[in-house]
Amino acid sequence: MANAKKFSALVVGDDSTNRAINLKYLRRNGFETEIAQNGLEAVEFFRMGYKFDLVVMDMEMPIMDGFQATQEIRAMGVRSLMIGMSSTSSQVKIQEFVSAGLDHYYPKPMNMAKLVAIINLLN
């Protein structure tokens, strides 16, 4: 499924396997991608002036977690579509994550159905 517009995405997460899964789906569908291994690296991308159509943010990471990174990125006025992903089953944690400034939340891992839903949100 190739989308007509070229989208950019920042994939944020400390787990290399989950990052690889996210990158595979995004790149196969024409996304230009960058990687941040933790929330602080993600915040730094925006401080350096990078712009992304999409941010895929993991919840639990070392150095800076997804909650704090999402809050800091939103505090900068960033309007990118922010999707949170996690393997947690805690509805309380998921709600806190969404409340930090996410647009949507999906349980891990990424799959084609989730990516199609995300692309539809971007279009």
PDB file of N, CA and C in Angstrom:
ATOM      1  N   MET A   1       0.840  -1.186   0.000  1.00  0.00           N
ATOM      2  CA  MET A   1       0.000   0.000   0.000  1.00  0.00           C
ATOM      3  C   MET A   1       0.875   1.236   0.000  1.00  0.00           C
ATOM      4  N   ALA A   2       1.064   1.845  -1.115  1.00  0.00           N
ATOM      5  CA  ALA A   2       1.894   3.042  -1.205  1.00  0.00           C
ATOM      6  C   ALA A   2       0.989   4.265  -1.128  1.00  0.00           C
ATOM      7  N   ASN A   3       1.362   5.197  -0.288  1.00  0.00           N
ATOM      8  CA  ASN A   3       0.588   6.420  -0.187  1.00  0.00           C
ATOM      9  C   ASN A   3       1.196   7.450  -1.132  1.00  0.00           C
ATOM     10  N   ALA A   4       0.357   8.339  -1.680  1.00  0.00           N
ATOM     11  CA  ALA A   4       0.815   9.302  -2.670  1.00  0.00           C
ATOM     12  C   ALA A   4       1.752  10.335  -2.057  1.00  0.00           C
ATOM     13  N   LYS A   5       1.425  10.844  -0.901  1.00  0.00           N
ATOM     14  CA  LYS A   5       2.256  11.844  -0.238  1.00  0.00           C
ATOM     15  C   LYS A   5       3.352  11.146   0.552  1.00  0.00           C
ATOM     16  N   LYS A   6       4.541  11.722   0.503  1.00  0.00           N
ATOM     17  CA  LYS A   6       5.672  11.175   1.267  1.00  0.00           C
ATOM     18  C   LYS A   6       5.589  11.757   2.678  1.00  0.00           C
ATOM     19  N   PHE A   7       5.400  10.896   3.658  1.00  0.00           N
ATOM     20  CA  PHE A   7       5.323  11.323   5.049  1.00  0.00           C
ATOM     21  C   PHE A   7       6.651  11.086   5.743  1.00  0.00           C
ATOM     22  N   SER A   8       6.879  11.851   6.794  1.00  0.00           N
ATOM     23  CA  SER A   8       8.076  11.658   7.619  1.00  0.00           C
ATOM     24  C   SER A   8       7.646  11.167   8.992  1.00  0.00           C
ATOM     25  N   ALA A   9       8.479  10.311   9.579  1.00  0.00           N
ATOM     26  CA  ALA A   9       8.144   9.737  10.883  1.00  0.00           C
ATOM     27  C   ALA A   9       9.383   9.643  11.760  1.00  0.00           C
ATOM     28  N   LEU A  10       9.181   9.894  13.046  1.00  0.00           N
ATOM     29  CA  LEU A  10      10.197   9.668  14.066  1.00  0.00           C
ATOM     30  C   LEU A  10       9.737   8.479  14.894  1.00  0.00           C
ATOM     31  N   VAL A  11      10.565   7.441  14.942  1.00  0.00           N
ATOM     32  CA  VAL A  11      10.269   6.240  15.722  1.00  0.00           C
ATOM     33  C   VAL A  11      11.087   6.313  17.001  1.00  0.00           C
ATOM     34  N   VAL A  12      10.402   6.320  18.149  1.00  0.00           N
ATOM     35  CA  VAL A  12      11.061   6.495  19.442  1.00  0.00           C
ATOM     36  C   VAL A  12      10.865   5.246  20.285  1.00  0.00           C
ATOM     37  N   GLY A  13      11.973   4.603  20.660  1.00  0.00           N
ATOM     38  CA  GLY A  13      11.886   3.420  21.507  1.00  0.00           C
ATOM     39  C   GLY A  13      13.247   2.817  21.751  1.00  0.00           C
ATOM     40  N   ASP A  14      13.396   2.196  22.904  1.00  0.00           N
ATOM     41  CA  ASP A  14      14.692   1.628  23.280  1.00  0.00           C
ATOM     42  C   ASP A  14      14.866   0.183  22.838  1.00  0.00           C
ATOM     43  N   ASP A  15      13.794  -0.496  22.478  1.00  0.00           N
ATOM     44  CA  ASP A  15      13.875  -1.903  22.087  1.00  0.00           C
ATOM     45  C   ASP A  15      14.129  -2.011  20.583  1.00  0.00           C
ATOM     46  N   SER A  16      15.271  -2.573  20.214  1.00  0.00           N
ATOM     47  CA  SER A  16      15.656  -2.624  18.799  1.00  0.00           C
ATOM     48  C   SER A  16      14.694  -3.464  17.962  1.00  0.00           C
ATOM     49  N   THR A  17      14.124  -4.506  18.529  1.00  0.00           N
ATOM     50  CA  THR A  17      13.186  -5.344  17.776  1.00  0.00           C
ATOM     51  C   THR A  17      11.919  -4.565  17.438  1.00  0.00           C
ATOM     52  N   ASN A  18      11.357  -3.877  18.422  1.00  0.00           N
ATOM     53  CA  ASN A  18      10.150  -3.087  18.163  1.00  0.00           C
ATOM     54  C   ASN A  18      10.433  -1.937  17.205  1.00  0.00           C
ATOM     55  N   ARG A  19      11.598  -1.302  17.342  1.00  0.00           N
ATOM     56  CA  ARG A  19      11.967  -0.241  16.393  1.00  0.00           C
ATOM     57  C   ARG A  19      12.027  -0.807  14.981  1.00  0.00           C
ATOM     58  N   ALA A  20      12.648  -1.978  14.836  1.00  0.00           N
ATOM     59  CA  ALA A  20      12.783  -2.598  13.513  1.00  0.00           C
ATOM     60  C   ALA A  20      11.416  -2.911  12.908  1.00  0.00           C
ATOM     61  N   ILE A  21      10.489  -3.400  13.720  1.00  0.00           N
ATOM     62  CA  ILE A  21       9.130  -3.686  13.233  1.00  0.00           C
ATOM     63  C   ILE A  21       8.467  -2.401  12.755  1.00  0.00           C
ATOM     64  N   ASN A  22       8.533  -1.355  13.573  1.00  0.00           N
ATOM     65  CA  ASN A  22       7.931  -0.073  13.195  1.00  0.00           C
ATOM     66  C   ASN A  22       8.552   0.466  11.914  1.00  0.00           C
ATOM     67  N   LEU A  23       9.887   0.436  11.843  1.00  0.00           N
ATOM     68  CA  LEU A  23      10.580   0.948  10.659  1.00  0.00           C
ATOM     69  C   LEU A  23      10.200   0.164   9.410  1.00  0.00           C
ATOM     70  N   LYS A  24      10.097  -1.149   9.530  1.00  0.00           N
ATOM     71  CA  LYS A  24       9.748  -1.991   8.383  1.00  0.00           C
ATOM     72  C   LYS A  24       8.413  -1.560   7.789  1.00  0.00           C
ATOM     73  N   TYR A  25       7.401  -1.443   8.629  1.00  0.00           N
ATOM     74  CA  TYR A  25       6.079  -1.066   8.129  1.00  0.00           C
ATOM     75  C   TYR A  25       6.076   0.349   7.567  1.00  0.00           C
ATOM     76  N   LEU A  26       6.719   1.268   8.253  1.00  0.00           N
ATOM     77  CA  LEU A  26       6.723   2.655   7.792  1.00  0.00           C
ATOM     78  C   LEU A  26       7.484   2.811   6.481  1.00  0.00           C
ATOM     79  N   ARG A  27       8.684   2.260   6.406  1.00  0.00           N
ATOM     80  CA  ARG A  27       9.500   2.410   5.191  1.00  0.00           C
ATOM     81  C   ARG A  27       8.875   1.713   3.992  1.00  0.00           C
ATOM     82  N   ARG A  28       8.279   0.558   4.204  1.00  0.00           N
ATOM     83  CA  ARG A  28       7.607  -0.147   3.098  1.00  0.00           C
ATOM     84  C   ARG A  28       6.464   0.673   2.525  1.00  0.00           C
ATOM     85  N   ASN A  29       5.967   1.600   3.315  1.00  0.00           N
ATOM     86  CA  ASN A  29       4.845   2.427   2.882  1.00  0.00           C
ATOM     87  C   ASN A  29       5.259   3.858   2.587  1.00  0.00           C
ATOM     88  N   GLY A  30       6.540   4.042   2.282  1.00  0.00           N
ATOM     89  CA  GLY A  30       7.019   5.312   1.769  1.00  0.00           C
ATOM     90  C   GLY A  30       7.383   6.372   2.781  1.00  0.00           C
ATOM     91  N   PHE A  31       7.387   6.043   4.055  1.00  0.00           N
ATOM     92  CA  PHE A  31       7.750   7.033   5.066  1.00  0.00           C
ATOM     93  C   PHE A  31       9.259   7.251   5.085  1.00  0.00           C
ATOM     94  N   GLU A  32       9.662   8.503   5.206  1.00  0.00           N
ATOM     95  CA  GLU A  32      11.049   8.836   5.516  1.00  0.00           C
ATOM     96  C   GLU A  32      11.146   8.778   7.032  1.00  0.00           C
ATOM     97  N   THR A  33      12.116   8.053   7.568  1.00  0.00           N
ATOM     98  CA  THR A  33      12.137   7.810   9.009  1.00  0.00           C
ATOM     99  C   THR A  33      13.443   8.227   9.666  1.00  0.00           C
ATOM    100  N   GLU A  34      13.326   8.592  10.922  1.00  0.00           N
ATOM    101  CA  GLU A  34      14.454   8.822  11.821  1.00  0.00           C
ATOM    102  C   GLU A  34      14.179   7.998  13.071  1.00  0.00           C
ATOM    103  N   ILE A  35      15.240   7.743  13.833  1.00  0.00           N
ATOM    104  CA  ILE A  35      15.140   6.922  15.041  1.00  0.00           C
ATOM    105  C   ILE A  35      15.653   7.700  16.241  1.00  0.00           C
ATOM    106  N   ALA A  36      14.937   7.592  17.354  1.00  0.00           N
ATOM    107  CA  ALA A  36      15.410   8.070  18.657  1.00  0.00           C
ATOM    108  C   ALA A  36      15.314   6.886  19.612  1.00  0.00           C
ATOM    109  N   GLN A  37      16.386   6.630  20.360  1.00  0.00           N
ATOM    110  CA  GLN A  37      16.405   5.462  21.243  1.00  0.00           C
ATOM    111  C   GLN A  37      15.780   5.724  22.604  1.00  0.00           C
ATOM    112  N   ASN A  38      15.447   6.984  22.885  1.00  0.00           N
ATOM    113  CA  ASN A  38      14.772   7.331  24.140  1.00  0.00           C
ATOM    114  C   ASN A  38      14.078   8.669  23.952  1.00  0.00           C
ATOM    115  N   GLY A  39      13.298   9.049  24.949  1.00  0.00           N
ATOM    116  CA  GLY A  39      12.536  10.281  24.850  1.00  0.00           C
ATOM    117  C   GLY A  39      13.384  11.526  24.729  1.00  0.00           C
ATOM    118  N   LEU A  40      14.525  11.558  25.404  1.00  0.00           N
ATOM    119  CA  LEU A  40      15.398  12.732  25.327  1.00  0.00           C
ATOM    120  C   LEU A  40      15.905  12.935  23.904  1.00  0.00           C
ATOM    121  N   GLU A  41      16.290  11.853  23.238  1.00  0.00           N
ATOM    122  CA  GLU A  41      16.728  11.972  21.843  1.00  0.00           C
ATOM    123  C   GLU A  41      15.598  12.505  20.968  1.00  0.00           C
ATOM    124  N   ALA A  42      14.371  12.083  21.236  1.00  0.00           N
ATOM    125  CA  ALA A  42      13.222  12.575  20.475  1.00  0.00           C
ATOM    126  C   ALA A  42      13.043  14.073  20.680  1.00  0.00           C
ATOM    127  N   VAL A  43      13.102  14.513  21.926  1.00  0.00           N
ATOM    128  CA  VAL A  43      12.977  15.939  22.233  1.00  0.00           C
ATOM    129  C   VAL A  43      14.072  16.721  21.511  1.00  0.00           C
ATOM    130  N   GLU A  44      15.290  16.181  21.494  1.00  0.00           N
ATOM    131  CA  GLU A  44      16.416  16.859  20.840  1.00  0.00           C
ATOM    132  C   GLU A  44      16.182  17.034  19.342  1.00  0.00           C
ATOM    133  N   PHE A  45      15.570  16.057  18.684  1.00  0.00           N
ATOM    134  CA  PHE A  45      15.260  16.220  17.258  1.00  0.00           C
ATOM    135  C   PHE A  45      14.436  17.484  17.043  1.00  0.00           C
ATOM    136  N   PHE A  46      13.417  17.689  17.879  1.00  0.00           N
ATOM    137  CA  PHE A  46      12.557  18.859  17.720  1.00  0.00           C
ATOM    138  C   PHE A  46      13.280  20.141  18.123  1.00  0.00           C
ATOM    139  N   ARG A  47      14.119  20.079  19.135  1.00  0.00           N
ATOM    140  CA  ARG A  47      14.911  21.262  19.510  1.00  0.00           C
ATOM    141  C   ARG A  47      15.837  21.695  18.381  1.00  0.00           C
ATOM    142  N   MET A  48      16.313  20.722  17.593  1.00  0.00           N
ATOM    143  CA  MET A  48      17.197  21.022  16.463  1.00  0.00           C
ATOM    144  C   MET A  48      16.425  21.481  15.226  1.00  0.00           C
ATOM    145  N   GLY A  49      15.098  21.525  15.323  1.00  0.00           N
ATOM    146  CA  GLY A  49      14.292  22.046  14.229  1.00  0.00           C
ATOM    147  C   GLY A  49      13.721  21.022  13.270  1.00  0.00           C
ATOM    148  N   TYR A  50      13.917  19.749  13.553  1.00  0.00           N
ATOM    149  CA  TYR A  50      13.322  18.716  12.705  1.00  0.00           C
ATOM    150  C   TYR A  50      11.805  18.785  12.801  1.00  0.00           C
ATOM    151  N   LYS A  51      11.142  18.430  11.704  1.00  0.00           N
ATOM    152  CA  LYS A  51       9.684  18.359  11.672  1.00  0.00           C
ATOM    153  C   LYS A  51       9.297  16.982  11.144  1.00  0.00           C
ATOM    154  N   PHE A  52       8.303  16.395  11.766  1.00  0.00           N
ATOM    155  CA  PHE A  52       7.816  15.076  11.365  1.00  0.00           C
ATOM    156  C   PHE A  52       6.299  15.115  11.263  1.00  0.00           C
ATOM    157  N   ASP A  53       5.764  14.371  10.302  1.00  0.00           N
ATOM    158  CA  ASP A  53       4.312  14.231  10.211  1.00  0.00           C
ATOM    159  C   ASP A  53       3.794  13.328  11.321  1.00  0.00           C
ATOM    160  N   LEU A  54       4.622  12.344  11.697  1.00  0.00           N
ATOM    161  CA  LEU A  54       4.212  11.307  12.634  1.00  0.00           C
ATOM    162  C   LEU A  54       5.325  11.035  13.632  1.00  0.00           C
ATOM    163  N   VAL A  55       4.938  10.846  14.893  1.00  0.00           N
ATOM    164  CA  VAL A  55       5.861  10.375  15.925  1.00  0.00           C
ATOM    165  C   VAL A  55       5.247   9.115  16.520  1.00  0.00           C
ATOM    166  N   VAL A  56       6.002   8.010  16.476  1.00  0.00           N
ATOM    167  CA  VAL A  56       5.578   6.759  17.108  1.00  0.00           C
ATOM    168  C   VAL A  56       6.398   6.638  18.382  1.00  0.00           C
ATOM    169  N   MET A  57       5.743   6.783  19.532  1.00  0.00           N
ATOM    170  CA  MET A  57       6.410   6.912  20.827  1.00  0.00           C
ATOM    171  C   MET A  57       6.157   5.700  21.714  1.00  0.00           C
ATOM    172  N   ASP A  58       7.242   5.093  22.183  1.00  0.00           N
ATOM    173  CA  ASP A  58       7.136   4.018  23.173  1.00  0.00           C
ATOM    174  C   ASP A  58       6.849   4.651  24.534  1.00  0.00           C
ATOM    175  N   MET A  59       6.211   3.919  25.414  1.00  0.00           N
ATOM    176  CA  MET A  59       5.884   4.441  26.740  1.00  0.00           C
ATOM    177  C   MET A  59       7.059   4.362  27.702  1.00  0.00           C
ATOM    178  N   GLU A  60       7.650   3.182  27.811  1.00  0.00           N
ATOM    179  CA  GLU A  60       8.676   2.956  28.828  1.00  0.00           C
ATOM    180  C   GLU A  60      10.053   2.869  28.184  1.00  0.00           C
ATOM    181  N   MET A  61      10.914   3.845  28.530  1.00  0.00           N
ATOM    182  CA  MET A  61      12.273   3.914  28.001  1.00  0.00           C
ATOM    183  C   MET A  61      13.187   4.471  29.079  1.00  0.00           C
ATOM    184  N   PRO A  62      14.476   4.164  28.995  1.00  0.00           N
ATOM    185  CA  PRO A  62      15.424   4.767  29.937  1.00  0.00           C
ATOM    186  C   PRO A  62      15.680   6.235  29.569  1.00  0.00           C
ATOM    187  N   ILE A  63      16.311   6.945  30.453  1.00  0.00           N
ATOM    188  CA  ILE A  63      16.722   8.349  30.307  1.00  0.00           C
ATOM    189  C   ILE A  63      15.519   9.279  30.347  1.00  0.00           C
ATOM    190  N   MET A  64      14.588   9.160  29.390  1.00  0.00           N
ATOM    191  CA  MET A  64      13.335   9.918  29.429  1.00  0.00           C
ATOM    192  C   MET A  64      12.246   9.038  28.834  1.00  0.00           C
ATOM    193  N   ASP A  65      11.178   8.824  29.597  1.00  0.00           N
ATOM    194  CA  ASP A  65      10.102   7.948  29.120  1.00  0.00           C
ATOM    195  C   ASP A  65       9.175   8.679  28.154  1.00  0.00           C
ATOM    196  N   GLY A  66       8.246   7.925  27.599  1.00  0.00           N
ATOM    197  CA  GLY A  66       7.323   8.477  26.628  1.00  0.00           C
ATOM    198  C   GLY A  66       6.377   9.520  27.186  1.00  0.00           C
ATOM    199  N   PHE A  67       5.999   9.389  28.458  1.00  0.00           N
ATOM    200  CA  PHE A  67       5.130  10.389  29.097  1.00  0.00           C
ATOM    201  C   PHE A  67       5.798  11.764  29.034  1.00  0.00           C
ATOM    202  N   GLN A  68       7.015  11.844  29.599  1.00  0.00           N
ATOM    203  CA  GLN A  68       7.724  13.119  29.692  1.00  0.00           C
ATOM    204  C   GLN A  68       8.089  13.657  28.313  1.00  0.00           C
ATOM    205  N   ALA A  69       8.554  12.786  27.427  1.00  0.00           N
ATOM    206  CA  ALA A  69       8.930  13.233  26.083  1.00  0.00           C
ATOM    207  C   ALA A  69       7.724  13.812  25.346  1.00  0.00           C
ATOM    208  N   THR A  70       6.590  13.147  25.442  1.00  0.00           N
ATOM    209  CA  THR A  70       5.379  13.628  24.786  1.00  0.00           C
ATOM    210  C   THR A  70       4.987  14.995  25.333  1.00  0.00           C
ATOM    211  N   GLN A  71       5.022  15.152  26.651  1.00  0.00           N
ATOM    212  CA  GLN A  71       4.686  16.440  27.267  1.00  0.00           C
ATOM    213  C   GLN A  71       5.639  17.534  26.799  1.00  0.00           C
ATOM    214  N   GLU A  72       6.941  17.241  26.778  1.00  0.00           N
ATOM    215  CA  GLU A  72       7.921  18.255  26.378  1.00  0.00           C
ATOM    216  C   GLU A  72       7.777  18.629  24.905  1.00  0.00           C
ATOM    217  N   ILE A  73       7.534  17.641  24.063  1.00  0.00           N
ATOM    218  CA  ILE A  73       7.365  17.917  22.633  1.00  0.00           C
ATOM    219  C   ILE A  73       6.111  18.754  22.406  1.00  0.00           C
ATOM    220  N   ARG A  74       5.026  18.416  23.059  1.00  0.00           N
ATOM    221  CA  ARG A  74       3.794  19.203  22.927  1.00  0.00           C
ATOM    222  C   ARG A  74       3.979  20.619  23.482  1.00  0.00           C
ATOM    223  N   ALA A  75       4.751  20.756  24.556  1.00  0.00           N
ATOM    224  CA  ALA A  75       4.996  22.078  25.143  1.00  0.00           C
ATOM    225  C   ALA A  75       5.755  22.988  24.176  1.00  0.00           C
ATOM    226  N   MET A  76       6.469  22.408  23.220  1.00  0.00           N
ATOM    227  CA  MET A  76       7.178  23.185  22.192  1.00  0.00           C
ATOM    228  C   MET A  76       6.230  23.641  21.089  1.00  0.00           C
ATOM    229  N   GLY A  77       4.977  23.226  21.160  1.00  0.00           N
ATOM    230  CA  GLY A  77       4.007  23.597  20.137  1.00  0.00           C
ATOM    231  C   GLY A  77       3.973  22.662  18.942  1.00  0.00           C
ATOM    232  N   VAL A  78       4.599  21.511  19.060  1.00  0.00           N
ATOM    233  CA  VAL A  78       4.643  20.545  17.961  1.00  0.00           C
ATOM    234  C   VAL A  78       3.254  19.960  17.726  1.00  0.00           C
ATOM    235  N   ARG A  79       2.834  19.955  16.455  1.00  0.00           N
ATOM    236  CA  ARG A  79       1.497  19.484  16.087  1.00  0.00           C
ATOM    237  C   ARG A  79       1.522  18.132  15.376  1.00  0.00           C
ATOM    238  N   SER A  80       2.663  17.480  15.306  1.00  0.00           N
ATOM    239  CA  SER A  80       2.770  16.166  14.652  1.00  0.00           C
ATOM    240  C   SER A  80       1.733  15.208  15.222  1.00  0.00           C
ATOM    241  N   LEU A  81       1.290  14.277  14.387  1.00  0.00           N
ATOM    242  CA  LEU A  81       0.439  13.200  14.876  1.00  0.00           C
ATOM    243  C   LEU A  81       1.298  12.331  15.784  1.00  0.00           C
ATOM    244  N   MET A  82       0.898  12.199  17.040  1.00  0.00           N
ATOM    245  CA  MET A  82       1.680  11.420  18.000  1.00  0.00           C
ATOM    246  C   MET A  82       0.908  10.170  18.393  1.00  0.00           C
ATOM    247  N   ILE A  83       1.521   9.028  18.089  1.00  0.00           N
ATOM    248  CA  ILE A  83       0.939   7.722  18.371  1.00  0.00           C
ATOM    249  C   ILE A  83       1.772   7.060  19.458  1.00  0.00           C
ATOM    250  N   GLY A  84       1.136   6.665  20.537  1.00  0.00           N
ATOM    251  CA  GLY A  84       1.828   5.938  21.594  1.00  0.00           C
ATOM    252  C   GLY A  84       1.652   4.447  21.402  1.00  0.00           C
ATOM    253  N   MET A  85       2.702   3.708  21.721  1.00  0.00           N
ATOM    254  CA  MET A  85       2.635   2.245  21.661  1.00  0.00           C
ATOM    255  C   MET A  85       3.294   1.674  22.901  1.00  0.00           C
ATOM    256  N   SER A  86       2.704   0.601  23.419  1.00  0.00           N
ATOM    257  CA  SER A  86       3.264  -0.050  24.597  1.00  0.00           C
ATOM    258  C   SER A  86       2.725  -1.469  24.686  1.00  0.00           C
ATOM    259  N   SER A  87       3.412  -2.273  25.470  1.00  0.00           N
ATOM    260  CA  SER A  87       2.937  -3.638  25.718  1.00  0.00           C
ATOM    261  C   SER A  87       2.220  -3.735  27.062  1.00  0.00           C
ATOM    262  N   THR A  88       2.041  -2.605  27.754  1.00  0.00           N
ATOM    263  CA  THR A  88       1.382  -2.636  29.059  1.00  0.00           C
ATOM    264  C   THR A  88      -0.095  -3.001  28.917  1.00  0.00           C
ATOM    265  N   SER A  89      -0.624  -3.639  29.944  1.00  0.00           N
ATOM    266  CA  SER A  89      -2.059  -3.919  29.977  1.00  0.00           C
ATOM    267  C   SER A  89      -2.758  -3.012  30.991  1.00  0.00           C
ATOM    268  N   SER A  90      -2.005  -2.124  31.625  1.00  0.00           N
ATOM    269  CA  SER A  90      -2.555  -1.217  32.629  1.00  0.00           C
ATOM    270  C   SER A  90      -3.330  -0.081  31.962  1.00  0.00           C
ATOM    271  N   GLN A  91      -4.649  -0.098  32.127  1.00  0.00           N
ATOM    272  CA  GLN A  91      -5.474   0.958  31.551  1.00  0.00           C
ATOM    273  C   GLN A  91      -5.152   2.320  32.162  1.00  0.00           C
ATOM    274  N   VAL A  92      -4.746   2.333  33.421  1.00  0.00           N
ATOM    275  CA  VAL A  92      -4.376   3.591  34.079  1.00  0.00           C
ATOM    276  C   VAL A  92      -3.148   4.191  33.398  1.00  0.00           C
ATOM    277  N   LYS A  93      -2.115   3.367  33.171  1.00  0.00           N
ATOM    278  CA  LYS A  93      -0.900   3.860  32.506  1.00  0.00           C
ATOM    279  C   LYS A  93      -1.192   4.311  31.077  1.00  0.00           C
ATOM    280  N   ILE A  94      -2.027   3.555  30.381  1.00  0.00           N
ATOM    281  CA  ILE A  94      -2.378   3.928  29.011  1.00  0.00           C
ATOM    282  C   ILE A  94      -3.083   5.278  29.004  1.00  0.00           C
ATOM    283  N   GLN A  95      -4.025   5.479  29.915  1.00  0.00           N
ATOM    284  CA  GLN A  95      -4.747   6.750  29.973  1.00  0.00           C
ATOM    285  C   GLN A  95      -3.812   7.902  30.323  1.00  0.00           C
ATOM    286  N   GLU A  96      -2.876   7.674  31.242  1.00  0.00           N
ATOM    287  CA  GLU A  96      -1.894   8.709  31.584  1.00  0.00           C
ATOM    288  C   GLU A  96      -1.040   9.055  30.370  1.00  0.00           C
ATOM    289  N   PHE A  97      -0.659   8.040  29.605  1.00  0.00           N
ATOM    290  CA  PHE A  97       0.152   8.245  28.407  1.00  0.00           C
ATOM    291  C   PHE A  97      -0.614   9.082  27.388  1.00  0.00           C
ATOM    292  N   VAL A  98      -1.855   8.724  27.136  1.00  0.00           N
ATOM    293  CA  VAL A  98      -2.683   9.483  26.202  1.00  0.00           C
ATOM    294  C   VAL A  98      -2.840  10.922  26.691  1.00  0.00           C
ATOM    295  N   SER A  99      -3.064  11.095  27.980  1.00  0.00           N
ATOM    296  CA  SER A  99      -3.252  12.428  28.559  1.00  0.00           C
ATOM    297  C   SER A  99      -2.001  13.297  28.470  1.00  0.00           C
ATOM    298  N   ALA A 100      -0.843  12.677  28.294  1.00  0.00           N
ATOM    299  CA  ALA A 100       0.407  13.436  28.161  1.00  0.00           C
ATOM    300  C   ALA A 100       0.448  14.222  26.852  1.00  0.00           C
ATOM    301  N   GLY A 101      -0.441  13.871  25.914  1.00  0.00           N
ATOM    302  CA  GLY A 101      -0.494  14.616  24.660  1.00  0.00           C
ATOM    303  C   GLY A 101      -0.552  13.772  23.404  1.00  0.00           C
ATOM    304  N   LEU A 102      -0.804  12.479  23.560  1.00  0.00           N
ATOM    305  CA  LEU A 102      -0.907  11.615  22.381  1.00  0.00           C
ATOM    306  C   LEU A 102      -2.195  11.892  21.617  1.00  0.00           C
ATOM    307  N   ASP A 103      -2.160  11.616  20.330  1.00  0.00           N
ATOM    308  CA  ASP A 103      -3.378  11.662  19.524  1.00  0.00           C
ATOM    309  C   ASP A 103      -4.098  10.321  19.564  1.00  0.00           C
ATOM    310  N   HIS A 104      -3.305   9.238  19.583  1.00  0.00           N
ATOM    311  CA  HIS A 104      -3.873   7.888  19.624  1.00  0.00           C
ATOM    312  C   HIS A 104      -2.896   6.950  20.308  1.00  0.00           C
ATOM    313  N   TYR A 105      -3.426   5.819  20.749  1.00  0.00           N
ATOM    314  CA  TYR A 105      -2.609   4.784  21.385  1.00  0.00           C
ATOM    315  C   TYR A 105      -2.945   3.446  20.741  1.00  0.00           C
ATOM    316  N   TYR A 106      -1.912   2.645  20.490  1.00  0.00           N
ATOM    317  CA  TYR A 106      -2.090   1.279  19.993  1.00  0.00           C
ATOM    318  C   TYR A 106      -1.202   0.345  20.797  1.00  0.00           C
ATOM    319  N   PRO A 107      -1.683  -0.850  21.102  1.00  0.00           N
ATOM    320  CA  PRO A 107      -0.802  -1.834  21.747  1.00  0.00           C
ATOM    321  C   PRO A 107       0.243  -2.333  20.745  1.00  0.00           C
ATOM    322  N   LYS A 108       1.424  -2.670  21.269  1.00  0.00           N
ATOM    323  CA  LYS A 108       2.471  -3.248  20.417  1.00  0.00           C
ATOM    324  C   LYS A 108       2.043  -4.637  19.988  1.00  0.00           C
ATOM    325  N   PRO A 109       2.550  -5.114  18.885  1.00  0.00           N
ATOM    326  CA  PRO A 109       3.451  -4.479  17.930  1.00  0.00           C
ATOM    327  C   PRO A 109       2.674  -3.783  16.816  1.00  0.00           C
ATOM    328  N   MET A 110       3.402  -3.015  16.009  1.00  0.00           N
ATOM    329  CA  MET A 110       2.835  -2.404  14.809  1.00  0.00           C
ATOM    330  C   MET A 110       2.427  -3.531  13.862  1.00  0.00           C
ATOM    331  N   ASN A 111       1.350  -3.301  13.124  1.00  0.00           N
ATOM    332  CA  ASN A 111       0.967  -4.231  12.059  1.00  0.00           C
ATOM    333  C   ASN A 111       0.331  -3.416  10.935  1.00  0.00           C
ATOM    334  N   MET A 112       0.002  -4.078   9.857  1.00  0.00           N
ATOM    335  CA  MET A 112      -0.508  -3.365   8.689  1.00  0.00           C
ATOM    336  C   MET A 112      -1.825  -2.658   8.978  1.00  0.00           C
ATOM    337  N   ALA A 113      -2.714  -3.284   9.726  1.00  0.00           N
ATOM    338  CA  ALA A 113      -4.004  -2.657  10.040  1.00  0.00           C
ATOM    339  C   ALA A 113      -3.807  -1.361  10.828  1.00  0.00           C
ATOM    340  N   LYS A 114      -2.886  -1.374  11.786  1.00  0.00           N
ATOM    341  CA  LYS A 114      -2.612  -0.162  12.568  1.00  0.00           C
ATOM    342  C   LYS A 114      -2.001   0.911  11.680  1.00  0.00           C
ATOM    343  N   LEU A 115      -1.081   0.516  10.788  1.00  0.00           N
ATOM    344  CA  LEU A 115      -0.452   1.491   9.906  1.00  0.00           C
ATOM    345  C   LEU A 115      -1.471   2.108   8.952  1.00  0.00           C
ATOM    346  N   VAL A 116      -2.372   1.316   8.431  1.00  0.00           N
ATOM    347  CA  VAL A 116      -3.418   1.849   7.555  1.00  0.00           C
ATOM    348  C   VAL A 116      -4.253   2.879   8.313  1.00  0.00           C
ATOM    349  N   ALA A 117      -4.607   2.580   9.558  1.00  0.00           N
ATOM    350  CA  ALA A 117      -5.373   3.534  10.375  1.00  0.00           C
ATOM    351  C   ALA A 117      -4.583   4.821  10.587  1.00  0.00           C
ATOM    352  N   ILE A 118      -3.274   4.699  10.831  1.00  0.00           N
ATOM    353  CA  ILE A 118      -2.424   5.875  11.037  1.00  0.00           C
ATOM    354  C   ILE A 118      -2.343   6.702   9.757  1.00  0.00           C
ATOM    355  N   ILE A 119      -2.128   6.051   8.618  1.00  0.00           N
ATOM    356  CA  ILE A 119      -2.059   6.776   7.338  1.00  0.00           C
ATOM    357  C   ILE A 119      -3.373   7.499   7.074  1.00  0.00           C
ATOM    358  N   ASN A 120      -4.490   6.862   7.389  1.00  0.00           N
ATOM    359  CA  ASN A 120      -5.787   7.516   7.208  1.00  0.00           C
ATOM    360  C   ASN A 120      -5.908   8.761   8.078  1.00  0.00           C
ATOM    361  N   LEU A 121      -5.334   8.732   9.278  1.00  0.00           N
ATOM    362  CA  LEU A 121      -5.345   9.916  10.142  1.00  0.00           C
ATOM    363  C   LEU A 121      -4.491  11.029   9.549  1.00  0.00           C
ATOM    364  N   LEU A 122      -3.389  10.667   8.900  1.00  0.00           N
ATOM    365  CA  LEU A 122      -2.507  11.668   8.293  1.00  0.00           C
ATOM    366  C   LEU A 122      -3.114  12.285   7.038  1.00  0.00           C
ATOM    367  N   ASN A 123      -3.891  11.495   6.308  1.00  0.00           N
ATOM    368  CA  ASN A 123      -4.506  12.001   5.069  1.00  0.00           C
ATOM    369  C   ASN A 123      -5.691  12.820   5.436  1.00  0.00           C
TER     370      ASN A 123
END
